[in-house]
Amino acid sequence: MFSTNKRVLATVLGIIGLALVPGSALAQTGAAANTFDMQAAATLGAALAIGLAVLGGALGQGRAAAAALEGISRNPGATSRIQTPMIIGLALIESLVLFAFALAFLLQSKAGG
């Protein structure tokens, strides 16, 4: 079963890789490229940065909180030993999301929008 999951993952990554190759082959070069292309790429980068950061941050915070609550429910005496590192971890995860948010704003200002 584990090897089947690896095959599926390799297949999906291969398809994604093949889908990205023609974009670089057909890219404009030199004088043909204009500032609109750069602005569009910066806007797309900003959208992807904030979207992926929020998705990853939400999943990470959810898993951290779930693991901490499960640990506390199994051993209520260890609440203080579990709660403090969980809060620190959640703050670090949130800081990464805020960093991506700031990066998205910088990319958006680079795009001129």
PDB file of N, CA and C in Angstrom:
ATOM      1  N   MET A   1       0.820  -1.192   0.000  1.00  0.00           N
ATOM      2  CA  MET A   1       0.000   0.000   0.000  1.00  0.00           C
ATOM      3  C   MET A   1       0.863   1.255   0.000  1.00  0.00           C
ATOM      4  N   PHE A   2       1.948   1.229   0.739  1.00  0.00           N
ATOM      5  CA  PHE A   2       2.819   2.393   0.795  1.00  0.00           C
ATOM      6  C   PHE A   2       3.466   2.669  -0.548  1.00  0.00           C
ATOM      7  N   SER A   3       3.823   1.616  -1.270  1.00  0.00           N
ATOM      8  CA  SER A   3       4.441   1.808  -2.577  1.00  0.00           C
ATOM      9  C   SER A   3       3.428   2.349  -3.581  1.00  0.00           C
ATOM     10  N   THR A   4       2.150   1.999  -3.423  1.00  0.00           N
ATOM     11  CA  THR A   4       1.117   2.543  -4.302  1.00  0.00           C
ATOM     12  C   THR A   4       0.995   4.053  -4.095  1.00  0.00           C
ATOM     13  N   ASN A   5       1.053   4.500  -2.836  1.00  0.00           N
ATOM     14  CA  ASN A   5       0.993   5.942  -2.569  1.00  0.00           C
ATOM     15  C   ASN A   5       2.193   6.654  -3.164  1.00  0.00           C
ATOM     16  N   LYS A   6       3.352   6.016  -3.119  1.00  0.00           N
ATOM     17  CA  LYS A   6       4.541   6.617  -3.723  1.00  0.00           C
ATOM     18  C   LYS A   6       4.383   6.731  -5.231  1.00  0.00           C
ATOM     19  N   ARG A   7       3.818   5.706  -5.849  1.00  0.00           N
ATOM     20  CA  ARG A   7       3.609   5.747  -7.299  1.00  0.00           C
ATOM     21  C   ARG A   7       2.633   6.849  -7.685  1.00  0.00           C
ATOM     22  N   VAL A   8       1.556   6.975  -6.934  1.00  0.00           N
ATOM     23  CA  VAL A   8       0.573   8.018  -7.224  1.00  0.00           C
ATOM     24  C   VAL A   8       1.207   9.395  -7.061  1.00  0.00           C
ATOM     25  N   LEU A   9       1.974   9.585  -5.981  1.00  0.00           N
ATOM     26  CA  LEU A   9       2.640  10.861  -5.762  1.00  0.00           C
ATOM     27  C   LEU A   9       3.638  11.158  -6.872  1.00  0.00           C
ATOM     28  N   ALA A  10       4.411  10.148  -7.288  1.00  0.00           N
ATOM     29  CA  ALA A  10       5.380  10.352  -8.370  1.00  0.00           C
ATOM     30  C   ALA A  10       4.669  10.686  -9.677  1.00  0.00           C
ATOM     31  N   THR A  11       3.542  10.056  -9.935  1.00  0.00           N
ATOM     32  CA  THR A  11       2.780  10.329 -11.148  1.00  0.00           C
ATOM     33  C   THR A  11       2.236  11.754 -11.150  1.00  0.00           C
ATOM     34  N   VAL A  12       1.673  12.176 -10.025  1.00  0.00           N
ATOM     35  CA  VAL A  12       1.112  13.527  -9.932  1.00  0.00           C
ATOM     36  C   VAL A  12       2.215  14.569 -10.078  1.00  0.00           C
ATOM     37  N   LEU A  13       3.350  14.359  -9.402  1.00  0.00           N
ATOM     38  CA  LEU A  13       4.457  15.303  -9.516  1.00  0.00           C
ATOM     39  C   LEU A  13       5.025  15.319 -10.936  1.00  0.00           C
ATOM     40  N   GLY A  14       5.053  14.177 -11.602  1.00  0.00           N
ATOM     41  CA  GLY A  14       5.515  14.131 -12.983  1.00  0.00           C
ATOM     42  C   GLY A  14       4.606  14.904 -13.915  1.00  0.00           C
ATOM     43  N   ILE A  15       3.304  14.769 -13.722  1.00  0.00           N
ATOM     44  CA  ILE A  15       2.341  15.496 -14.558  1.00  0.00           C
ATOM     45  C   ILE A  15       2.473  17.002 -14.324  1.00  0.00           C
ATOM     46  N   ILE A  16       2.618  17.400 -13.051  1.00  0.00           N
ATOM     47  CA  ILE A  16       2.791  18.814 -12.753  1.00  0.00           C
ATOM     48  C   ILE A  16       4.080  19.335 -13.380  1.00  0.00           C
ATOM     49  N   GLY A  17       5.153  18.552 -13.288  1.00  0.00           N
ATOM     50  CA  GLY A  17       6.426  18.959 -13.889  1.00  0.00           C
ATOM     51  C   GLY A  17       6.327  19.119 -15.386  1.00  0.00           C
ATOM     52  N   LEU A  18       5.635  18.194 -16.037  1.00  0.00           N
ATOM     53  CA  LEU A  18       5.464  18.298 -17.490  1.00  0.00           C
ATOM     54  C   LEU A  18       4.574  19.473 -17.875  1.00  0.00           C
ATOM     55  N   ALA A  19       3.646  19.827 -17.005  1.00  0.00           N
ATOM     56  CA  ALA A  19       2.779  20.965 -17.301  1.00  0.00           C
ATOM     57  C   ALA A  19       3.536  22.283 -17.199  1.00  0.00           C
ATOM     58  N   LEU A  20       4.594  22.319 -16.385  1.00  0.00           N
ATOM     59  CA  LEU A  20       5.337  23.558 -16.204  1.00  0.00           C
ATOM     60  C   LEU A  20       6.427  23.770 -17.258  1.00  0.00           C
ATOM     61  N   VAL A  21       6.842  22.718 -17.946  1.00  0.00           N
ATOM     62  CA  VAL A  21       7.927  22.831 -18.923  1.00  0.00           C
ATOM     63  C   VAL A  21       7.562  23.720 -20.112  1.00  0.00           C
ATOM     64  N   PRO A  22       6.392  23.567 -20.742  1.00  0.00           N
ATOM     65  CA  PRO A  22       6.096  24.420 -21.908  1.00  0.00           C
ATOM     66  C   PRO A  22       6.050  25.906 -21.577  1.00  0.00           C
ATOM     67  N   GLY A  23       5.677  26.256 -20.359  1.00  0.00           N
ATOM     68  CA  GLY A  23       5.637  27.672 -19.987  1.00  0.00           C
ATOM     69  C   GLY A  23       7.009  28.319 -20.066  1.00  0.00           C
ATOM     70  N   SER A  24       8.036  27.603 -19.638  1.00  0.00           N
ATOM     71  CA  SER A  24       9.377  28.175 -19.712  1.00  0.00           C
ATOM     72  C   SER A  24       9.920  28.122 -21.137  1.00  0.00           C
ATOM     73  N   ALA A  25       9.502  27.165 -21.927  1.00  0.00           N
ATOM     74  CA  ALA A  25       9.984  27.075 -23.296  1.00  0.00           C
ATOM     75  C   ALA A  25       9.404  28.181 -24.177  1.00  0.00           C
ATOM     76  N   LEU A  26       8.204  28.624 -23.867  1.00  0.00           N
ATOM     77  CA  LEU A  26       7.540  29.640 -24.674  1.00  0.00           C
ATOM     78  C   LEU A  26       7.669  31.037 -24.079  1.00  0.00           C
ATOM     79  N   ALA A  27       8.511  31.200 -23.069  1.00  0.00           N
ATOM     80  CA  ALA A  27       8.661  32.500 -22.423  1.00  0.00           C
ATOM     81  C   ALA A  27       9.307  33.498 -23.372  1.00  0.00           C
ATOM     82  N   GLN A  28       8.900  34.743 -23.233  1.00  0.00           N
ATOM     83  CA  GLN A  28       9.465  35.792 -24.061  1.00  0.00           C
ATOM     84  C   GLN A  28      10.840  36.164 -23.540  1.00  0.00           C
ATOM     85  N   THR A  29      11.700  36.577 -24.442  1.00  0.00           N
ATOM     86  CA  THR A  29      13.042  36.976 -24.030  1.00  0.00           C
ATOM     87  C   THR A  29      13.382  38.339 -24.604  1.00  0.00           C
ATOM     88  N   GLY A  30      14.344  38.987 -23.972  1.00  0.00           N
ATOM     89  CA  GLY A  30      14.894  40.237 -24.507  1.00  0.00           C
ATOM     90  C   GLY A  30      13.887  41.356 -24.583  1.00  0.00           C
ATOM     91  N   ALA A  31      13.860  42.034 -25.712  1.00  0.00           N
ATOM     92  CA  ALA A  31      13.029  43.211 -25.891  1.00  0.00           C
ATOM     93  C   ALA A  31      11.544  42.869 -25.987  1.00  0.00           C
ATOM     94  N   ALA A  32      11.239  41.609 -26.258  1.00  0.00           N
ATOM     95  CA  ALA A  32       9.836  41.237 -26.394  1.00  0.00           C
ATOM     96  C   ALA A  32       9.126  41.250 -25.041  1.00  0.00           C
ATOM     97  N   ALA A  33       9.865  41.028 -23.961  1.00  0.00           N
ATOM     98  CA  ALA A  33       9.248  41.043 -22.639  1.00  0.00           C
ATOM     99  C   ALA A  33       8.943  42.481 -22.240  1.00  0.00           C
ATOM    100  N   ASN A  34       7.849  42.660 -21.549  1.00  0.00           N
ATOM    101  CA  ASN A  34       7.472  44.004 -21.120  1.00  0.00           C
ATOM    102  C   ASN A  34       7.174  44.016 -19.627  1.00  0.00           C
ATOM    103  N   THR A  35       6.890  45.198 -19.119  1.00  0.00           N
ATOM    104  CA  THR A  35       6.656  45.309 -17.682  1.00  0.00           C
ATOM    105  C   THR A  35       5.346  44.665 -17.269  1.00  0.00           C
ATOM    106  N   PHE A  36       4.412  44.514 -18.200  1.00  0.00           N
ATOM    107  CA  PHE A  36       3.155  43.860 -17.854  1.00  0.00           C
ATOM    108  C   PHE A  36       3.394  42.414 -17.450  1.00  0.00           C
ATOM    109  N   ASP A  37       4.312  41.724 -18.111  1.00  0.00           N
ATOM    110  CA  ASP A  37       4.629  40.343 -17.750  1.00  0.00           C
ATOM    111  C   ASP A  37       5.194  40.272 -16.339  1.00  0.00           C
ATOM    112  N   MET A  38       6.070  41.200 -15.992  1.00  0.00           N
ATOM    113  CA  MET A  38       6.651  41.227 -14.657  1.00  0.00           C
ATOM    114  C   MET A  38       5.589  41.533 -13.614  1.00  0.00           C
ATOM    115  N   GLN A  39       4.706  42.450 -13.925  1.00  0.00           N
ATOM    116  CA  GLN A  39       3.642  42.792 -12.987  1.00  0.00           C
ATOM    117  C   GLN A  39       2.678  41.626 -12.789  1.00  0.00           C
ATOM    118  N   ALA A  40       2.374  40.934 -13.855  1.00  0.00           N
ATOM    119  CA  ALA A  40       1.484  39.782 -13.750  1.00  0.00           C
ATOM    120  C   ALA A  40       2.137  38.679 -12.936  1.00  0.00           C
ATOM    121  N   ALA A  41       3.424  38.451 -13.146  1.00  0.00           N
ATOM    122  CA  ALA A  41       4.127  37.420 -12.378  1.00  0.00           C
ATOM    123  C   ALA A  41       4.216  37.803 -10.904  1.00  0.00           C
ATOM    124  N   ALA A  42       4.442  39.074 -10.605  1.00  0.00           N
ATOM    125  CA  ALA A  42       4.510  39.514  -9.213  1.00  0.00           C
ATOM    126  C   ALA A  42       3.151  39.387  -8.534  1.00  0.00           C
ATOM    127  N   THR A  43       2.085  39.704  -9.249  1.00  0.00           N
ATOM    128  CA  THR A  43       0.748  39.563  -8.686  1.00  0.00           C
ATOM    129  C   THR A  43       0.419  38.100  -8.434  1.00  0.00           C
ATOM    130  N   LEU A  44       0.764  37.240  -9.370  1.00  0.00           N
ATOM    131  CA  LEU A  44       0.539  35.814  -9.184  1.00  0.00           C
ATOM    132  C   LEU A  44       1.377  35.284  -8.025  1.00  0.00           C
ATOM    133  N   GLY A  45       2.609  35.747  -7.916  1.00  0.00           N
ATOM    134  CA  GLY A  45       3.459  35.337  -6.801  1.00  0.00           C
ATOM    135  C   GLY A  45       2.897  35.782  -5.465  1.00  0.00           C
ATOM    136  N   ALA A  46       2.359  36.993  -5.414  1.00  0.00           N
ATOM    137  CA  ALA A  46       1.759  37.496  -4.179  1.00  0.00           C
ATOM    138  C   ALA A  46       0.549  36.660  -3.786  1.00  0.00           C
ATOM    139  N   ALA A  47      -0.278  36.337  -4.757  1.00  0.00           N
ATOM    140  CA  ALA A  47      -1.468  35.539  -4.477  1.00  0.00           C
ATOM    141  C   ALA A  47      -1.093  34.139  -3.996  1.00  0.00           C
ATOM    142  N   LEU A  48      -0.116  33.535  -4.648  1.00  0.00           N
ATOM    143  CA  LEU A  48       0.311  32.200  -4.230  1.00  0.00           C
ATOM    144  C   LEU A  48       0.988  32.234  -2.865  1.00  0.00           C
ATOM    145  N   ALA A  49       1.775  33.265  -2.602  1.00  0.00           N
ATOM    146  CA  ALA A  49       2.486  33.360  -1.321  1.00  0.00           C
ATOM    147  C   ALA A  49       1.515  33.415  -0.157  1.00  0.00           C
ATOM    148  N   ILE A  50       0.536  34.287  -0.246  1.00  0.00           N
ATOM    149  CA  ILE A  50      -0.378  34.419   0.883  1.00  0.00           C
ATOM    150  C   ILE A  50      -1.315  33.214   0.971  1.00  0.00           C
ATOM    151  N   GLY A  51      -1.734  32.690  -0.167  1.00  0.00           N
ATOM    152  CA  GLY A  51      -2.622  31.528  -0.143  1.00  0.00           C
ATOM    153  C   GLY A  51      -1.963  30.296   0.456  1.00  0.00           C
ATOM    154  N   LEU A  52      -0.761  29.993   0.013  1.00  0.00           N
ATOM    155  CA  LEU A  52      -0.054  28.827   0.543  1.00  0.00           C
ATOM    156  C   LEU A  52       0.359  29.027   1.996  1.00  0.00           C
ATOM    157  N   ALA A  53       0.726  30.235   2.359  1.00  0.00           N
ATOM    158  CA  ALA A  53       1.124  30.502   3.742  1.00  0.00           C
ATOM    159  C   ALA A  53      -0.057  30.326   4.692  1.00  0.00           C
ATOM    160  N   VAL A  54      -1.197  30.832   4.306  1.00  0.00           N
ATOM    161  CA  VAL A  54      -2.379  30.697   5.160  1.00  0.00           C
ATOM    162  C   VAL A  54      -2.807  29.235   5.244  1.00  0.00           C
ATOM    163  N   LEU A  55      -2.758  28.539   4.127  1.00  0.00           N
ATOM    164  CA  LEU A  55      -3.122  27.123   4.133  1.00  0.00           C
ATOM    165  C   LEU A  55      -2.180  26.318   5.016  1.00  0.00           C
ATOM    166  N   GLY A  56      -0.876  26.510   4.825  1.00  0.00           N
ATOM    167  CA  GLY A  56       0.086  25.773   5.622  1.00  0.00           C
ATOM    168  C   GLY A  56       0.033  26.149   7.090  1.00  0.00           C
ATOM    169  N   GLY A  57      -0.131  27.441   7.375  1.00  0.00           N
ATOM    170  CA  GLY A  57      -0.222  27.884   8.758  1.00  0.00           C
ATOM    171  C   GLY A  57      -1.452  27.332   9.466  1.00  0.00           C
ATOM    172  N   ALA A  58      -2.575  27.329   8.784  1.00  0.00           N
ATOM    173  CA  ALA A  58      -3.802  26.803   9.381  1.00  0.00           C
ATOM    174  C   ALA A  58      -3.685  25.306   9.645  1.00  0.00           C
ATOM    175  N   LEU A  59      -3.124  24.575   8.693  1.00  0.00           N
ATOM    176  CA  LEU A  59      -2.944  23.137   8.910  1.00  0.00           C
ATOM    177  C   LEU A  59      -1.964  22.866  10.045  1.00  0.00           C
ATOM    178  N   GLY A  60      -0.876  23.622  10.092  1.00  0.00           N
ATOM    179  CA  GLY A  60       0.112  23.442  11.151  1.00  0.00           C
ATOM    180  C   GLY A  60      -0.443  23.781  12.526  1.00  0.00           C
ATOM    181  N   GLN A  61      -1.175  24.873  12.611  1.00  0.00           N
ATOM    182  CA  GLN A  61      -1.750  25.244  13.896  1.00  0.00           C
ATOM    183  C   GLN A  61      -2.818  24.244  14.336  1.00  0.00           C
ATOM    184  N   GLY A  62      -3.596  23.759  13.407  1.00  0.00           N
ATOM    185  CA  GLY A  62      -4.610  22.762  13.738  1.00  0.00           C
ATOM    186  C   GLY A  62      -3.998  21.472  14.255  1.00  0.00           C
ATOM    187  N   ARG A  63      -2.953  21.011  13.582  1.00  0.00           N
ATOM    188  CA  ARG A  63      -2.299  19.778  14.024  1.00  0.00           C
ATOM    189  C   ARG A  63      -1.597  19.967  15.360  1.00  0.00           C
ATOM    190  N   ALA A  64      -0.969  21.128  15.575  1.00  0.00           N
ATOM    191  CA  ALA A  64      -0.288  21.387  16.844  1.00  0.00           C
ATOM    192  C   ALA A  64      -1.283  21.442  17.996  1.00  0.00           C
ATOM    193  N   ALA A  65      -2.384  22.141  17.794  1.00  0.00           N
ATOM    194  CA  ALA A  65      -3.390  22.237  18.849  1.00  0.00           C
ATOM    195  C   ALA A  65      -4.029  20.875  19.122  1.00  0.00           C
ATOM    196  N   ALA A  66      -4.298  20.113  18.077  1.00  0.00           N
ATOM    197  CA  ALA A  66      -4.892  18.788  18.263  1.00  0.00           C
ATOM    198  C   ALA A  66      -3.950  17.864  19.030  1.00  0.00           C
ATOM    199  N   ALA A  67      -2.676  17.895  18.690  1.00  0.00           N
ATOM    200  CA  ALA A  67      -1.708  17.045  19.389  1.00  0.00           C
ATOM    201  C   ALA A  67      -1.565  17.467  20.842  1.00  0.00           C
ATOM    202  N   ALA A  68      -1.553  18.782  21.090  1.00  0.00           N
ATOM    203  CA  ALA A  68      -1.436  19.257  22.464  1.00  0.00           C
ATOM    204  C   ALA A  68      -2.669  18.880  23.277  1.00  0.00           C
ATOM    205  N   LEU A  69      -3.845  19.049  22.709  1.00  0.00           N
ATOM    206  CA  LEU A  69      -5.064  18.688  23.437  1.00  0.00           C
ATOM    207  C   LEU A  69      -5.146  17.189  23.687  1.00  0.00           C
ATOM    208  N   GLU A  70      -4.678  16.406  22.739  1.00  0.00           N
ATOM    209  CA  GLU A  70      -4.669  14.959  22.944  1.00  0.00           C
ATOM    210  C   GLU A  70      -3.696  14.586  24.060  1.00  0.00           C
ATOM    211  N   GLY A  71      -2.534  15.234  24.077  1.00  0.00           N
ATOM    212  CA  GLY A  71      -1.573  14.972  25.147  1.00  0.00           C
ATOM    213  C   GLY A  71      -2.097  15.394  26.502  1.00  0.00           C
ATOM    214  N   ILE A  72      -2.772  16.523  26.562  1.00  0.00           N
ATOM    215  CA  ILE A  72      -3.344  16.992  27.829  1.00  0.00           C
ATOM    216  C   ILE A  72      -4.463  16.067  28.285  1.00  0.00           C
ATOM    217  N   SER A  73      -5.273  15.585  27.344  1.00  0.00           N
ATOM    218  CA  SER A  73      -6.373  14.698  27.734  1.00  0.00           C
ATOM    219  C   SER A  73      -5.856  13.341  28.215  1.00  0.00           C
ATOM    220  N   ARG A  74      -4.723  12.903  27.714  1.00  0.00           N
ATOM    221  CA  ARG A  74      -4.146  11.641  28.169  1.00  0.00           C
ATOM    222  C   ARG A  74      -3.452  11.786  29.521  1.00  0.00           C
ATOM    223  N   ASN A  75      -2.879  12.968  29.777  1.00  0.00           N
ATOM    224  CA  ASN A  75      -2.164  13.199  31.020  1.00  0.00           C
ATOM    225  C   ASN A  75      -2.438  14.625  31.494  1.00  0.00           C
ATOM    226  N   PRO A  76      -3.520  14.827  32.221  1.00  0.00           N
ATOM    227  CA  PRO A  76      -3.871  16.185  32.652  1.00  0.00           C
ATOM    228  C   PRO A  76      -2.820  16.830  33.554  1.00  0.00           C
ATOM    229  N   GLY A  77      -1.995  16.038  34.191  1.00  0.00           N
ATOM    230  CA  GLY A  77      -0.966  16.583  35.069  1.00  0.00           C
ATOM    231  C   GLY A  77       0.144  17.298  34.308  1.00  0.00           C
ATOM    232  N   ALA A  78       0.267  17.019  33.015  1.00  0.00           N
ATOM    233  CA  ALA A  78       1.332  17.622  32.212  1.00  0.00           C
ATOM    234  C   ALA A  78       0.850  18.835  31.426  1.00  0.00           C
ATOM    235  N   THR A  79      -0.247  19.414  31.868  1.00  0.00           N
ATOM    236  CA  THR A  79      -0.830  20.544  31.127  1.00  0.00           C
ATOM    237  C   THR A  79       0.153  21.701  30.973  1.00  0.00           C
ATOM    238  N   SER A  80       0.816  22.079  32.064  1.00  0.00           N
ATOM    239  CA  SER A  80       1.723  23.226  31.976  1.00  0.00           C
ATOM    240  C   SER A  80       2.951  22.914  31.136  1.00  0.00           C
ATOM    241  N   ARG A  81       3.391  21.658  31.134  1.00  0.00           N
ATOM    242  CA  ARG A  81       4.557  21.277  30.334  1.00  0.00           C
ATOM    243  C   ARG A  81       4.214  21.176  28.851  1.00  0.00           C
ATOM    244  N   ILE A  82       2.952  21.009  28.522  1.00  0.00           N
ATOM    245  CA  ILE A  82       2.529  20.907  27.117  1.00  0.00           C
ATOM    246  C   ILE A  82       2.061  22.257  26.592  1.00  0.00           C
ATOM    247  N   GLN A  83       1.365  23.011  27.433  1.00  0.00           N
ATOM    248  CA  GLN A  83       0.723  24.236  26.969  1.00  0.00           C
ATOM    249  C   GLN A  83       1.727  25.311  26.562  1.00  0.00           C
ATOM    250  N   THR A  84       2.786  25.506  27.329  1.00  0.00           N
ATOM    251  CA  THR A  84       3.756  26.563  27.020  1.00  0.00           C
ATOM    252  C   THR A  84       4.469  26.333  25.688  1.00  0.00           C
ATOM    253  N   PRO A  85       5.029  25.135  25.426  1.00  0.00           N
ATOM    254  CA  PRO A  85       5.643  24.933  24.103  1.00  0.00           C
ATOM    255  C   PRO A  85       4.638  25.012  22.952  1.00  0.00           C
ATOM    256  N   MET A  86       3.381  24.614  23.218  1.00  0.00           N
ATOM    257  CA  MET A  86       2.372  24.709  22.163  1.00  0.00           C
ATOM    258  C   MET A  86       2.118  26.173  21.802  1.00  0.00           C
ATOM    259  N   ILE A  87       2.010  27.039  22.801  1.00  0.00           N
ATOM    260  CA  ILE A  87       1.758  28.458  22.528  1.00  0.00           C
ATOM    261  C   ILE A  87       2.943  29.072  21.799  1.00  0.00           C
ATOM    262  N   ILE A  88       4.161  28.717  22.187  1.00  0.00           N
ATOM    263  CA  ILE A  88       5.348  29.220  21.489  1.00  0.00           C
ATOM    264  C   ILE A  88       5.353  28.743  20.044  1.00  0.00           C
ATOM    265  N   GLY A  89       5.032  27.467  19.827  1.00  0.00           N
ATOM    266  CA  GLY A  89       4.970  26.924  18.465  1.00  0.00           C
ATOM    267  C   GLY A  89       3.908  27.603  17.621  1.00  0.00           C
ATOM    268  N   LEU A  90       2.740  27.856  18.218  1.00  0.00           N
ATOM    269  CA  LEU A  90       1.680  28.542  17.485  1.00  0.00           C
ATOM    270  C   LEU A  90       2.097  29.970  17.121  1.00  0.00           C
ATOM    271  N   ALA A  91       2.810  30.624  18.029  1.00  0.00           N
ATOM    272  CA  ALA A  91       3.275  31.985  17.734  1.00  0.00           C
ATOM    273  C   ALA A  91       4.291  31.977  16.600  1.00  0.00           C
ATOM    274  N   LEU A  92       5.169  30.982  16.561  1.00  0.00           N
ATOM    275  CA  LEU A  92       6.148  30.902  15.475  1.00  0.00           C
ATOM    276  C   LEU A  92       5.475  30.587  14.142  1.00  0.00           C
ATOM    277  N   ILE A  93       4.489  29.718  14.168  1.00  0.00           N
ATOM    278  CA  ILE A  93       3.751  29.422  12.935  1.00  0.00           C
ATOM    279  C   ILE A  93       3.054  30.685  12.436  1.00  0.00           C
ATOM    280  N   GLU A  94       2.435  31.417  13.351  1.00  0.00           N
ATOM    281  CA  GLU A  94       1.731  32.641  12.970  1.00  0.00           C
ATOM    282  C   GLU A  94       2.699  33.690  12.432  1.00  0.00           C
ATOM    283  N   SER A  95       3.914  33.743  12.996  1.00  0.00           N
ATOM    284  CA  SER A  95       4.888  34.718  12.497  1.00  0.00           C
ATOM    285  C   SER A  95       5.301  34.396  11.064  1.00  0.00           C
ATOM    286  N   LEU A  96       5.375  33.119  10.718  1.00  0.00           N
ATOM    287  CA  LEU A  96       5.688  32.759   9.333  1.00  0.00           C
ATOM    288  C   LEU A  96       4.565  33.174   8.383  1.00  0.00           C
ATOM    289  N   VAL A  97       3.331  33.028   8.832  1.00  0.00           N
ATOM    290  CA  VAL A  97       2.197  33.452   8.004  1.00  0.00           C
ATOM    291  C   VAL A  97       2.212  34.960   7.825  1.00  0.00           C
ATOM    292  N   LEU A  98       2.518  35.697   8.894  1.00  0.00           N
ATOM    293  CA  LEU A  98       2.587  37.159   8.783  1.00  0.00           C
ATOM    294  C   LEU A  98       3.745  37.588   7.890  1.00  0.00           C
ATOM    295  N   PHE A  99       4.860  36.845   7.930  1.00  0.00           N
ATOM    296  CA  PHE A  99       5.975  37.143   7.041  1.00  0.00           C
ATOM    297  C   PHE A  99       5.556  36.960   5.582  1.00  0.00           C
ATOM    298  N   ALA A 100       4.826  35.903   5.282  1.00  0.00           N
ATOM    299  CA  ALA A 100       4.337  35.688   3.919  1.00  0.00           C
ATOM    300  C   ALA A 100       3.334  36.770   3.528  1.00  0.00           C
ATOM    301  N   PHE A 101       2.543  37.229   4.484  1.00  0.00           N
ATOM    302  CA  PHE A 101       1.601  38.318   4.222  1.00  0.00           C
ATOM    303  C   PHE A 101       2.344  39.593   3.846  1.00  0.00           C
ATOM    304  N   ALA A 102       3.431  39.899   4.582  1.00  0.00           N
ATOM    305  CA  ALA A 102       4.249  41.071   4.261  1.00  0.00           C
ATOM    306  C   ALA A 102       4.915  40.903   2.902  1.00  0.00           C
ATOM    307  N   LEU A 103       5.371  39.690   2.607  1.00  0.00           N
ATOM    308  CA  LEU A 103       5.973  39.415   1.305  1.00  0.00           C
ATOM    309  C   LEU A 103       4.962  39.603   0.178  1.00  0.00           C
ATOM    310  N   ALA A 104       3.744  39.197   0.407  1.00  0.00           N
ATOM    311  CA  ALA A 104       2.699  39.388  -0.604  1.00  0.00           C
ATOM    312  C   ALA A 104       2.451  40.878  -0.848  1.00  0.00           C
ATOM    313  N   PHE A 105       2.462  41.685   0.223  1.00  0.00           N
ATOM    314  CA  PHE A 105       2.296  43.123   0.041  1.00  0.00           C
ATOM    315  C   PHE A 105       3.459  43.728  -0.716  1.00  0.00           C
ATOM    316  N   LEU A 106       4.681  43.262  -0.449  1.00  0.00           N
ATOM    317  CA  LEU A 106       5.832  43.772  -1.173  1.00  0.00           C
ATOM    318  C   LEU A 106       5.746  43.411  -2.659  1.00  0.00           C
ATOM    319  N   LEU A 107       5.339  42.181  -2.943  1.00  0.00           N
ATOM    320  CA  LEU A 107       5.195  41.777  -4.345  1.00  0.00           C
ATOM    321  C   LEU A 107       4.075  42.555  -5.024  1.00  0.00           C
ATOM    322  N   GLN A 108       3.009  42.825  -4.295  1.00  0.00           N
ATOM    323  CA  GLN A 108       1.909  43.578  -4.874  1.00  0.00           C
ATOM    324  C   GLN A 108       2.332  45.013  -5.181  1.00  0.00           C
ATOM    325  N   SER A 109       3.153  45.614  -4.306  1.00  0.00           N
ATOM    326  CA  SER A 109       3.628  46.968  -4.591  1.00  0.00           C
ATOM    327  C   SER A 109       4.616  46.951  -5.761  1.00  0.00           C
ATOM    328  N   LYS A 110       5.353  45.855  -5.910  1.00  0.00           N
ATOM    329  CA  LYS A 110       6.275  45.714  -7.044  1.00  0.00           C
ATOM    330  C   LYS A 110       5.475  45.637  -8.351  1.00  0.00           C
ATOM    331  N   ALA A 111       4.284  45.060  -8.275  1.00  0.00           N
ATOM    332  CA  ALA A 111       3.443  44.943  -9.466  1.00  0.00           C
ATOM    333  C   ALA A 111       2.779  46.270  -9.807  1.00  0.00           C
ATOM    334  N   GLY A 112       2.805  47.212  -8.866  1.00  0.00           N
ATOM    335  CA  GLY A 112       2.229  48.518  -9.156  1.00  0.00           C
ATOM    336  C   GLY A 112       0.752  48.585  -8.910  1.00  0.00           C
ATOM    337  N   GLY A 113       0.207  47.614  -8.151  1.00  0.00           N
ATOM    338  CA  GLY A 113      -1.238  47.620  -7.925  1.00  0.00           C
ATOM    339  C   GLY A 113      -1.642  48.042  -6.567  1.00  0.00           C
TER     340      GLY A 113
END
